[in-house]
Amino acid sequence: MRVLLVEDDEPIAESLTRGLSRYGFDVQWVRNGADALTADGDFALVLVDLGLPDMDGLDVCRELRSRSDVPIIVISARSDEVDRVVGLEIGADDYVTKPFGVREVVARMRAVLRRVQPSQKEPTQERGRLRIDRRTRRVHLDGAEVELSPKEFDLLAFLAEEPGAVFTREQIMEAVWDENWFGPTKTLDVHVGVLRRKLGDAASLETVRGVGFRLVLA
């Protein structure tokens, strides 16, 4: 998922870029408003600092909003209520005050994306020999139901959103278990092992060493 980061403070930008990359985001970093407004790419979300060297970040937000409905989150050291209100009124979807942690930014990003893209998840997913029904929380393999625990279903449904795509351990833990999950991920390995046995040769949950997992359909 591509994200445009508009931030002139190099240490903050580099730290945020590294952090977001660990969660699977592809970050394009620009240092000023002019570059932000001419950035080439189909971005899923834009992070904008207000204290830019060439123009006010609020003007960047206003111009971006006039062009498209791309989600915008302001990241700024300005903590005054007036700045927050103005930012939200001109089209920003959220406002995060510095200093912040990467986990907080990621949680805000995902919350915004859930709000603005509620229709992306299909009620029923036909994935090769698998049929995944989110409404009834049932999975069928070649027409026969596969008995899954609640977390096994959530894990399979999450990976099946983008077959072949690699999801990091952090992404999976936060999506399937808890946005605020912190700690070992051994439970993920256990659930992956169980799904492998239950799905057989219909689908492969491949381990990507040092990164996470991906679902490959037969």
Protein backbone atom coordinates (compact mmCIF):
# COMPACT_ATOMS: atom_id res chain seq x y z
CA MET A 1 0.00 0.00 0.00
CA ARG A 2 1.56 3.28 -1.15
CA VAL A 3 1.72 6.23 1.25
CA LEU A 4 2.93 9.77 0.54
CA LEU A 5 4.83 11.31 3.46
CA VAL A 6 5.23 15.11 3.39
CA GLU A 7 7.77 16.00 6.09
CA ASP A 8 10.78 18.34 6.06
CA ASP A 9 12.37 17.02 9.28
CA GLU A 10 14.76 14.34 8.03
CA PRO A 11 15.17 12.33 11.28
CA ILE A 12 11.40 12.16 11.76
CA ALA A 13 10.81 11.25 8.13
CA GLU A 14 13.46 8.53 8.09
CA SER A 15 12.23 7.03 11.35
CA LEU A 16 8.60 7.07 10.19
CA THR A 17 9.51 5.62 6.81
CA ARG A 18 11.40 2.74 8.42
CA GLY A 19 8.59 2.13 10.88
CA LEU A 20 5.82 2.14 8.29
CA SER A 21 7.84 -0.14 6.03
CA ARG A 22 7.90 -2.75 8.80
CA TYR A 23 4.10 -2.73 8.68
CA GLY A 24 4.04 -3.30 4.93
CA PHE A 25 3.56 0.28 3.72
CA ASP A 26 5.46 1.55 0.68
CA VAL A 27 6.41 5.13 1.62
CA GLN A 28 7.34 7.91 -0.81
CA TRP A 29 8.90 10.79 1.10
CA VAL A 30 8.93 14.41 -0.08
CA ARG A 31 10.27 17.37 1.88
CA ASN A 32 8.00 20.26 0.81
CA GLY A 33 4.55 21.20 -0.36
CA ALA A 34 5.48 21.75 -4.00
CA ASP A 35 6.86 18.23 -4.32
CA ALA A 36 3.80 16.85 -2.55
CA LEU A 37 1.45 18.48 -5.05
CA THR A 38 3.42 17.15 -8.01
CA ALA A 39 4.14 13.68 -6.60
CA ASP A 40 3.46 10.98 -9.16
CA GLY A 41 1.65 7.97 -7.87
CA ASP A 42 -1.64 6.42 -6.84
CA PHE A 43 -1.45 6.84 -3.07
CA ALA A 44 -3.76 5.10 -0.63
CA LEU A 45 -3.11 7.76 2.03
CA VAL A 46 -1.14 10.98 2.58
CA LEU A 47 0.65 12.06 5.80
CA VAL A 48 1.24 15.83 5.90
CA ASP A 49 3.31 17.93 8.30
CA LEU A 50 2.06 21.50 8.69
CA GLY A 51 5.45 23.21 9.16
CA LEU A 52 6.82 22.87 5.63
CA PRO A 53 9.58 25.14 4.30
CA ASP A 54 7.76 26.47 1.22
CA MET A 55 4.09 26.56 2.20
CA ASP A 56 1.72 25.80 5.04
CA GLY A 57 0.74 22.17 5.28
CA LEU A 58 -2.88 23.25 5.60
CA ASP A 59 -2.68 24.66 2.07
CA VAL A 60 -1.29 21.33 0.89
CA CYS A 61 -4.24 19.55 2.52
CA ARG A 62 -6.70 21.98 0.95
CA GLU A 63 -5.22 21.54 -2.53
CA LEU A 64 -5.03 17.74 -2.26
CA ARG A 65 -8.63 17.59 -1.10
CA SER A 66 -9.77 19.73 -4.03
CA ARG A 67 -8.20 17.21 -6.40
CA SER A 68 -9.23 13.89 -4.90
CA ASP A 69 -10.72 11.99 -1.98
CA VAL A 70 -7.39 10.47 -0.92
CA PRO A 71 -7.32 10.05 2.88
CA ILE A 72 -5.16 12.70 4.59
CA ILE A 73 -3.69 12.59 8.10
CA VAL A 74 -1.98 15.67 9.49
CA ILE A 75 1.16 15.02 11.57
CA SER A 76 2.26 18.18 13.34
CA ALA A 77 3.87 19.70 16.40
CA ARG A 78 1.03 22.24 16.45
CA SER A 79 -1.20 21.09 19.26
CA ASP A 80 -3.58 24.05 19.45
CA GLU A 81 -7.25 23.20 19.10
CA VAL A 82 -7.60 25.82 16.36
CA ASP A 83 -5.05 24.07 14.15
CA ARG A 84 -6.70 20.70 14.69
CA VAL A 85 -10.14 22.05 13.89
CA VAL A 86 -8.97 23.92 10.79
CA GLY A 87 -7.09 20.87 9.53
CA LEU A 88 -10.14 18.65 9.89
CA GLU A 89 -12.50 21.24 8.42
CA ILE A 90 -10.47 21.68 5.23
CA GLY A 91 -10.52 17.97 4.55
CA ALA A 92 -8.00 16.10 6.68
CA ASP A 93 -9.36 12.80 7.99
CA ASP A 94 -7.33 12.78 11.22
CA TYR A 95 -4.76 14.84 13.12
CA VAL A 96 -1.81 13.38 15.04
CA THR A 97 0.27 15.59 17.31
CA LYS A 98 4.05 15.20 17.60
CA PRO A 99 5.76 13.49 19.30
CA PHE A 100 4.09 10.25 18.33
CA GLY A 101 4.93 6.56 18.06
CA VAL A 102 4.83 4.59 14.85
CA ARG A 103 2.25 2.22 16.31
CA GLU A 104 -0.10 5.14 16.97
CA VAL A 105 0.31 6.45 13.43
CA VAL A 106 -0.30 2.99 11.96
CA ALA A 107 -3.43 2.56 14.10
CA ARG A 108 -4.73 5.97 12.96
CA MET A 109 -3.95 5.12 9.32
CA ARG A 110 -5.79 1.84 9.48
CA ALA A 111 -8.77 3.42 11.22
CA VAL A 112 -9.01 6.08 8.50
CA LEU A 113 -8.68 3.49 5.74
CA ARG A 114 -11.44 1.39 7.31
CA ARG A 115 -13.74 4.42 7.35
CA VAL A 116 -13.11 5.58 3.81
CA GLN A 117 -12.83 2.15 2.19
CA PRO A 118 -15.54 0.11 3.90
CA SER A 119 -16.56 -1.71 0.73
CA GLN A 120 -13.21 -3.25 -0.13
CA LYS A 121 -13.80 -6.49 1.76
CA GLU A 122 -16.02 -8.86 -0.20
CA PRO A 123 -18.79 -10.62 1.80
CA THR A 124 -17.93 -13.83 -0.03
CA GLN A 125 -14.48 -14.62 -1.39
CA GLU A 126 -14.03 -17.23 -4.12
CA ARG A 127 -10.37 -18.17 -3.91
CA GLY A 128 -9.45 -21.12 -6.11
CA ARG A 129 -11.02 -24.20 -4.54
CA LEU A 130 -11.95 -22.20 -1.43
CA ARG A 131 -15.13 -20.29 -0.72
CA ILE A 132 -14.88 -17.92 2.27
CA ASP A 133 -18.14 -16.41 3.52
CA ARG A 134 -17.55 -13.52 5.91
CA ARG A 135 -21.22 -13.16 6.82
CA THR A 136 -21.66 -16.73 8.03
CA ARG A 137 -17.95 -17.15 8.91
CA ARG A 138 -17.84 -20.48 7.07
CA VAL A 139 -15.24 -21.88 4.69
CA HIS A 140 -15.87 -24.52 2.02
CA LEU A 141 -13.21 -26.50 0.18
CA ASP A 142 -14.42 -28.19 -3.01
CA GLY A 143 -17.95 -27.76 -1.66
CA ALA A 144 -17.28 -29.38 1.72
CA GLU A 145 -17.19 -27.25 4.85
CA VAL A 146 -13.86 -26.89 6.65
CA GLU A 147 -14.21 -26.58 10.41
CA LEU A 148 -12.17 -23.58 11.59
CA SER A 149 -11.82 -21.87 14.94
CA PRO A 150 -12.68 -18.13 15.05
CA LYS A 151 -9.02 -17.08 14.83
CA GLU A 152 -8.26 -19.62 12.10
CA PHE A 153 -11.10 -18.14 10.06
CA ASP A 154 -9.94 -14.56 10.70
CA LEU A 155 -6.38 -15.44 9.68
CA LEU A 156 -7.44 -17.17 6.46
CA ALA A 157 -9.88 -14.40 5.52
CA PHE A 158 -7.21 -11.76 6.09
CA LEU A 159 -4.58 -13.49 3.97
CA ALA A 160 -7.17 -14.24 1.28
CA GLU A 161 -7.86 -10.54 0.77
CA GLU A 162 -4.73 -10.44 -1.39
CA PRO A 163 -3.58 -13.91 -2.46
CA GLY A 164 0.14 -13.92 -3.19
CA ALA A 165 0.81 -10.72 -1.24
CA VAL A 166 3.25 -10.92 1.65
CA PHE A 167 1.93 -9.74 5.02
CA THR A 168 4.33 -9.01 7.85
CA ARG A 169 3.91 -10.63 11.24
CA GLU A 170 3.02 -7.22 12.68
CA GLN A 171 0.29 -6.67 10.09
CA ILE A 172 -1.23 -10.08 10.75
CA MET A 173 -1.09 -9.83 14.54
CA GLU A 174 -2.72 -6.41 14.56
CA ALA A 175 -5.41 -7.34 12.01
CA VAL A 176 -6.32 -10.76 13.40
CA TRP A 177 -5.54 -10.47 17.09
CA ASP A 178 -5.29 -6.91 18.40
CA GLU A 179 -4.28 -3.50 17.04
CA ASN A 180 -2.36 -2.98 20.28
CA TRP A 181 -0.68 -6.39 20.24
CA PHE A 182 2.83 -6.35 21.64
CA GLY A 183 4.88 -9.41 22.37
CA PRO A 184 5.84 -12.79 20.88
CA THR A 185 4.04 -14.08 17.80
CA LYS A 186 4.31 -17.82 18.45
CA THR A 187 0.51 -18.12 18.42
CA LEU A 188 0.58 -17.02 14.78
CA ASP A 189 2.90 -19.91 13.85
CA VAL A 190 0.59 -22.34 15.63
CA HIS A 191 -2.47 -21.13 13.73
CA VAL A 192 -0.60 -21.16 10.41
CA GLY A 193 0.38 -24.78 11.05
CA VAL A 194 -3.21 -25.78 11.79
CA LEU A 195 -4.49 -24.03 8.64
CA ARG A 196 -1.88 -25.81 6.53
CA ARG A 197 -3.13 -29.18 7.76
CA LYS A 198 -6.80 -28.31 7.25
CA LEU A 199 -6.41 -26.79 3.78
CA GLY A 200 -4.12 -29.49 2.42
CA ASP A 201 -3.08 -28.91 -1.17
CA ALA A 202 -5.88 -26.40 -1.88
CA ALA A 203 -3.76 -23.52 -0.65
CA SER A 204 -0.27 -22.98 0.67
CA LEU A 205 0.57 -20.64 3.54
CA GLU A 206 4.15 -19.85 2.62
CA THR A 207 6.65 -18.52 5.13
CA VAL A 208 8.69 -15.55 3.89
CA ARG A 209 11.76 -15.70 6.09
CA GLY A 210 12.27 -12.62 8.23
CA VAL A 211 9.04 -11.02 7.00
CA GLY A 212 5.82 -12.96 7.41
CA PHE A 213 3.43 -15.10 5.36
CA ARG A 214 1.51 -15.20 2.10
CA LEU A 215 -1.38 -17.30 0.83
CA VAL A 216 -0.74 -19.08 -2.47
CA LEU A 217 -3.70 -20.79 -4.10
CA ALA A 218 -3.44 -24.12 -5.90
